[in-house]
N, C-alpha and C. Protein backbone atom coordinates (compact mmCIF):
# COMPACT_ATOMS: atom_id res chain seq x y z
N MET A 1 -7.33 4.42 -18.40
CA MET A 1 -6.85 4.65 -17.05
C MET A 1 -7.89 4.34 -15.92
N SER A 2 -9.19 4.29 -16.28
CA SER A 2 -10.31 3.78 -15.17
C SER A 2 -9.93 2.40 -15.11
N GLU A 3 -9.44 1.59 -16.01
CA GLU A 3 -9.54 0.38 -16.22
C GLU A 3 -8.26 -0.19 -14.99
N PHE A 4 -7.01 0.45 -15.10
CA PHE A 4 -6.08 0.33 -14.35
C PHE A 4 -6.36 0.61 -12.94
N LYS A 5 -7.05 2.03 -12.68
CA LYS A 5 -7.36 2.27 -11.36
C LYS A 5 -8.33 1.07 -10.64
N ASP A 6 -9.42 0.61 -11.50
CA ASP A 6 -10.15 -0.45 -10.95
C ASP A 6 -9.13 -1.58 -10.43
N ARG A 7 -8.38 -2.15 -11.28
CA ARG A 7 -7.41 -3.27 -11.17
C ARG A 7 -6.83 -2.88 -9.66
N VAL A 8 -6.11 -1.70 -9.44
CA VAL A 8 -5.43 -1.27 -8.50
C VAL A 8 -6.34 -1.11 -7.29
N GLN A 9 -7.45 -0.82 -7.12
CA GLN A 9 -8.29 -0.78 -6.06
C GLN A 9 -8.67 -2.27 -5.79
N ASP A 10 -9.11 -2.93 -6.73
CA ASP A 10 -9.59 -4.57 -6.40
C ASP A 10 -8.41 -5.06 -5.50
N LEU A 11 -7.22 -4.91 -6.10
CA LEU A 11 -5.97 -5.51 -5.47
C LEU A 11 -5.88 -5.00 -4.10
N VAL A 12 -5.78 -3.98 -3.82
CA VAL A 12 -5.56 -3.17 -2.36
C VAL A 12 -6.75 -3.77 -1.68
N SER A 13 -7.91 -4.11 -2.22
CA SER A 13 -8.90 -4.45 -1.05
C SER A 13 -8.71 -5.83 -0.73
N LEU A 14 -7.77 -6.56 -1.38
CA LEU A 14 -7.52 -8.12 -1.08
C LEU A 14 -6.28 -8.24 -0.09
N ILE A 15 -5.65 -7.35 -0.02
CA ILE A 15 -4.34 -7.22 1.21
C ILE A 15 -4.73 -7.37 2.39
N PRO A 16 -4.35 -8.80 3.00
CA PRO A 16 -4.79 -9.18 4.33
C PRO A 16 -4.23 -8.30 5.40
N ARG A 17 -4.99 -8.01 6.36
CA ARG A 17 -4.43 -7.37 7.89
C ARG A 17 -3.41 -7.82 7.92
N GLY A 18 -2.42 -6.66 8.43
CA GLY A 18 -1.11 -6.98 8.94
C GLY A 18 -0.36 -7.58 8.00
N ARG A 19 -0.43 -7.09 6.84
CA ARG A 19 0.30 -7.38 5.62
C ARG A 19 0.46 -6.15 4.84
N VAL A 20 1.53 -6.07 3.68
CA VAL A 20 1.62 -4.91 2.90
C VAL A 20 2.01 -5.23 1.64
N MET A 21 1.84 -4.35 0.60
CA MET A 21 2.30 -4.55 -0.83
C MET A 21 2.92 -3.14 -1.05
N SER A 22 3.74 -3.00 -2.01
CA SER A 22 4.41 -1.77 -2.47
C SER A 22 3.67 -1.31 -3.48
N TYR A 23 3.95 0.17 -3.75
CA TYR A 23 3.48 0.80 -4.76
C TYR A 23 3.85 0.08 -6.20
N GLY A 24 5.04 -0.26 -6.16
CA GLY A 24 5.36 -0.87 -7.64
C GLY A 24 4.83 -1.96 -7.90
N GLN A 25 5.15 -2.84 -6.63
CA GLN A 25 4.34 -4.30 -6.87
C GLN A 25 2.82 -4.35 -7.09
N ILE A 26 2.38 -3.28 -6.90
CA ILE A 26 0.73 -3.35 -7.11
C ILE A 26 0.83 -2.92 -8.65
N ALA A 27 1.72 -1.92 -9.00
CA ALA A 27 1.67 -1.58 -10.32
C ALA A 27 1.88 -2.60 -11.31
N VAL A 28 2.95 -3.52 -11.17
CA VAL A 28 3.27 -4.69 -11.81
C VAL A 28 2.12 -5.24 -11.87
N LEU A 29 1.79 -5.99 -10.83
CA LEU A 29 0.35 -6.88 -10.74
C LEU A 29 -0.77 -6.57 -11.51
N CYS A 30 -1.01 -5.09 -11.76
CA CYS A 30 -1.85 -4.55 -12.22
C CYS A 30 -1.95 -4.04 -13.82
N GLY A 31 -0.62 -4.70 -14.54
CA GLY A 31 -0.34 -4.60 -15.68
C GLY A 31 0.29 -3.23 -16.20
N ASN A 32 0.90 -2.40 -15.37
CA ASN A 32 1.77 -1.27 -15.82
C ASN A 32 3.00 -1.12 -14.84
N PRO A 33 4.08 -1.84 -15.06
CA PRO A 33 5.03 -1.99 -14.29
C PRO A 33 6.02 -0.74 -13.96
N ARG A 34 5.64 0.62 -14.87
CA ARG A 34 6.13 1.89 -14.54
C ARG A 34 5.20 2.59 -13.92
N ALA A 35 4.21 2.34 -13.40
CA ALA A 35 2.99 3.12 -12.73
C ALA A 35 3.05 3.20 -11.24
N ALA A 36 4.16 3.04 -10.59
CA ALA A 36 4.16 2.86 -9.27
C ALA A 36 3.49 4.67 -8.67
N ARG A 37 4.15 5.50 -9.24
CA ARG A 37 3.48 7.01 -8.93
C ARG A 37 2.09 6.94 -9.02
N ILE A 38 1.67 6.37 -10.28
CA ILE A 38 0.17 6.46 -10.49
C ILE A 38 -0.59 5.75 -9.34
N VAL A 39 -0.12 4.62 -8.89
CA VAL A 39 -0.53 3.85 -7.73
C VAL A 39 -0.68 4.69 -6.60
N GLY A 40 0.24 5.60 -6.45
CA GLY A 40 0.67 6.53 -5.31
C GLY A 40 -0.75 7.52 -5.43
N GLY A 41 -0.96 8.10 -6.71
CA GLY A 41 -2.13 9.07 -6.76
C GLY A 41 -3.46 8.31 -6.67
N ILE A 42 -3.48 7.39 -7.25
CA ILE A 42 -4.94 6.28 -6.80
C ILE A 42 -4.92 6.07 -5.42
N ALA A 43 -3.95 6.07 -4.77
CA ALA A 43 -4.05 5.94 -3.32
C ALA A 43 -4.70 7.02 -2.62
N HIS A 44 -3.91 7.96 -3.23
CA HIS A 44 -4.30 9.57 -2.58
C HIS A 44 -5.60 10.10 -2.67
N PHE A 45 -6.05 9.78 -4.02
CA PHE A 45 -7.52 10.06 -4.64
C PHE A 45 -8.40 9.46 -4.66
N GLY A 46 -8.16 8.06 -4.50
CA GLY A 46 -9.13 6.65 -4.45
C GLY A 46 -10.13 6.61 -3.44
N ASP A 47 -10.70 5.32 -3.42
CA ASP A 47 -11.70 4.99 -2.51
C ASP A 47 -11.03 5.33 -1.19
N PRO A 48 -11.60 5.91 -0.30
CA PRO A 48 -11.18 5.85 1.08
C PRO A 48 -11.73 4.82 1.93
N ASP A 49 -12.32 4.16 1.38
CA ASP A 49 -12.70 2.84 2.30
C ASP A 49 -11.84 1.91 2.23
N LEU A 50 -10.85 1.84 1.43
CA LEU A 50 -10.08 0.53 0.80
C LEU A 50 -9.13 0.61 1.89
N PRO A 51 -8.09 -0.29 2.38
CA PRO A 51 -7.22 -0.45 3.35
C PRO A 51 -5.91 0.41 2.72
N TRP A 52 -5.89 1.52 2.53
CA TRP A 52 -4.32 2.10 1.72
C TRP A 52 -3.39 2.04 2.85
N GLN A 53 -3.79 1.78 4.06
CA GLN A 53 -2.67 1.81 5.04
C GLN A 53 -1.63 0.61 4.67
N ARG A 54 -2.15 -0.25 3.90
CA ARG A 54 -1.50 -1.66 3.98
C ARG A 54 -0.41 -1.40 2.57
N VAL A 55 -0.09 -0.13 2.08
CA VAL A 55 0.66 0.12 0.79
C VAL A 55 1.40 1.05 1.35
N VAL A 56 2.79 0.51 1.03
CA VAL A 56 3.84 1.25 1.50
C VAL A 56 5.05 1.45 0.27
N ASN A 57 6.09 2.13 0.36
CA ASN A 57 7.35 2.25 -0.63
C ASN A 57 8.03 0.93 -0.46
N LYS A 58 8.79 0.60 -1.61
CA LYS A 58 9.39 -0.42 -1.66
C LYS A 58 10.68 -0.78 -0.65
N GLN A 59 10.89 0.21 0.09
CA GLN A 59 11.88 -0.05 1.24
C GLN A 59 11.01 -0.07 2.45
N GLY A 60 9.76 -0.21 2.22
CA GLY A 60 8.66 -0.44 3.44
C GLY A 60 8.59 0.86 4.25
N GLY A 61 8.60 2.20 3.49
CA GLY A 61 8.64 3.49 4.15
C GLY A 61 7.23 3.79 4.12
N LEU A 62 6.67 4.27 5.05
CA LEU A 62 5.27 4.93 5.06
C LEU A 62 5.14 6.35 4.36
N ALA A 63 3.91 6.55 4.09
CA ALA A 63 3.49 7.53 3.13
C ALA A 63 3.14 8.92 3.65
N ARG A 64 4.12 9.94 3.05
CA ARG A 64 3.98 11.20 3.67
C ARG A 64 2.38 11.96 3.55
N GLY A 65 2.10 11.42 2.26
CA GLY A 65 0.55 11.95 1.81
C GLY A 65 -0.53 11.29 2.24
N TYR A 66 0.06 10.42 3.35
CA TYR A 66 -1.33 9.35 3.85
C TYR A 66 -2.08 10.65 4.65
N PRO A 67 -3.48 10.34 4.47
CA PRO A 67 -4.34 11.50 5.50
C PRO A 67 -4.00 11.71 6.88
N GLY A 68 -3.38 12.71 7.30
CA GLY A 68 -3.03 12.77 8.60
C GLY A 68 -1.34 12.46 8.77
N GLY A 69 -0.78 12.24 7.57
CA GLY A 69 0.63 12.16 7.49
C GLY A 69 1.34 10.77 8.05
N MET A 70 2.75 10.73 8.10
CA MET A 70 3.27 9.39 8.62
C MET A 70 2.71 8.80 9.64
N GLU A 71 2.52 9.82 10.56
CA GLU A 71 2.04 9.45 12.29
C GLU A 71 0.92 8.43 12.23
N SER A 72 -0.35 9.19 11.10
CA SER A 72 -1.44 8.43 11.23
C SER A 72 -1.07 7.14 10.31
N HIS A 73 -0.59 7.07 9.50
CA HIS A 73 -0.10 5.82 8.75
C HIS A 73 0.38 5.03 9.41
N LYS A 74 1.39 5.19 10.53
CA LYS A 74 1.89 4.54 11.41
C LYS A 74 0.71 4.00 12.48
N LYS A 75 0.17 4.79 12.91
CA LYS A 75 -1.15 4.40 13.72
C LYS A 75 -2.19 3.51 13.33
N ALA A 76 -2.34 3.49 11.84
CA ALA A 76 -3.21 2.64 11.17
C ALA A 76 -2.48 1.21 11.04
N LEU A 77 -1.35 1.07 10.89
CA LEU A 77 -0.78 -0.24 10.76
C LEU A 77 -0.62 -0.70 12.07
N GLU A 78 -0.11 0.20 13.18
CA GLU A 78 -0.09 -0.73 14.34
C GLU A 78 -1.48 -1.16 15.01
N ALA A 79 -2.56 -0.44 14.60
CA ALA A 79 -3.73 -0.88 14.94
C ALA A 79 -4.13 -2.41 14.33
N GLU A 80 -3.09 -2.70 13.30
CA GLU A 80 -3.34 -4.17 12.71
C GLU A 80 -2.09 -5.00 13.30
N GLY A 81 -1.57 -4.71 14.25
CA GLY A 81 -0.49 -5.69 14.79
C GLY A 81 1.01 -5.32 13.91
N VAL A 82 1.23 -4.43 13.07
CA VAL A 82 2.35 -4.18 12.22
C VAL A 82 3.26 -3.15 13.24
N THR A 83 4.46 -3.71 13.45
CA THR A 83 5.55 -2.91 14.21
C THR A 83 6.15 -1.87 13.16
N VAL A 84 5.98 -0.82 13.50
CA VAL A 84 6.61 0.48 12.87
C VAL A 84 7.75 0.93 13.43
N ALA A 85 8.89 1.22 12.83
CA ALA A 85 10.11 1.56 13.48
C ALA A 85 9.94 3.34 13.73
N GLN A 86 10.90 3.88 14.24
CA GLN A 86 10.84 5.36 14.64
C GLN A 86 10.80 5.97 13.33
N ASN A 87 11.86 5.75 12.37
CA ASN A 87 11.91 6.07 11.10
C ASN A 87 10.88 5.92 10.13
N TYR A 88 9.80 5.52 10.82
CA TYR A 88 8.62 5.13 9.99
C TYR A 88 8.70 4.26 8.67
N THR A 89 9.26 3.19 9.13
CA THR A 89 9.47 1.99 8.13
C THR A 89 8.87 0.69 8.69
N ILE A 90 8.64 -0.32 7.98
CA ILE A 90 8.35 -1.37 8.47
C ILE A 90 9.18 -2.36 7.63
N ASP A 91 9.31 -3.63 8.18
CA ASP A 91 9.84 -4.67 7.95
C ASP A 91 9.17 -5.41 6.59
N ILE A 92 9.58 -4.63 5.37
CA ILE A 92 9.03 -5.08 4.27
C ILE A 92 9.13 -6.44 3.76
N GLU A 93 10.25 -6.88 4.14
CA GLU A 93 10.63 -8.60 3.98
C GLU A 93 9.92 -9.48 4.55
N LYS A 94 9.45 -9.11 5.84
CA LYS A 94 8.71 -10.18 6.47
C LYS A 94 7.31 -9.96 6.18
N LEU A 95 6.73 -8.76 5.70
CA LEU A 95 5.06 -8.13 5.49
C LEU A 95 4.80 -8.18 4.43
N LEU A 96 5.66 -8.42 3.37
CA LEU A 96 5.06 -8.35 1.86
C LEU A 96 4.39 -9.41 1.69
N TRP A 97 2.98 -8.99 1.09
CA TRP A 97 2.25 -10.03 0.58
C TRP A 97 2.24 -10.25 -0.79
N LYS A 98 2.33 -11.28 -1.13
CA LYS A 98 2.56 -11.72 -2.73
C LYS A 98 1.13 -12.59 -2.95
N PRO A 99 0.12 -11.86 -3.62
CA PRO A 99 -1.12 -13.01 -3.90
C PRO A 99 -0.44 -13.75 -4.82
N THR A 100 -1.07 -15.06 -4.54
CA THR A 100 -0.56 -16.48 -5.43
C THR A 100 -1.92 -16.56 -6.69
N SER A 101 -3.28 -15.61 -6.50
CA SER A 101 -3.65 -15.87 -7.70
C SER A 101 -3.80 -15.04 -8.86
N ARG A 102 -2.68 -14.07 -8.91
CA ARG A 102 -2.57 -13.09 -9.98
C ARG A 102 -1.23 -13.34 -10.77
C-alpha cells in the first residue's frame, strides 16, 4: 500500500497549475484502477504540501473533505485561475491533465 501511496503522491506533485486530475484517473495511472476512494483517503491524510486542490471527482466536483470544505477547495483553485461554478464544479473536459510520460 505504501508503494501505491508513493506513486499517487508523486503523480499529484506533477499536476500543472490550473489543471486537474480525477481520483479515478490517478488510481488508474498509479496501477490500481479500482482505488479511486483510496486516492481520496491519501489526499485527505497525505502530504499537505502537495497540490491536492488539483484533484477533483470524475464529474469535476470539488471535495467536501478538502480542508475547509468545498469553499476552501474553490478558493484554492480560483487562486490558480480555475473558474469554479456556483455548484462547486469545474469544466473537467477543458482542465483535465493527461500526463504523456506515464
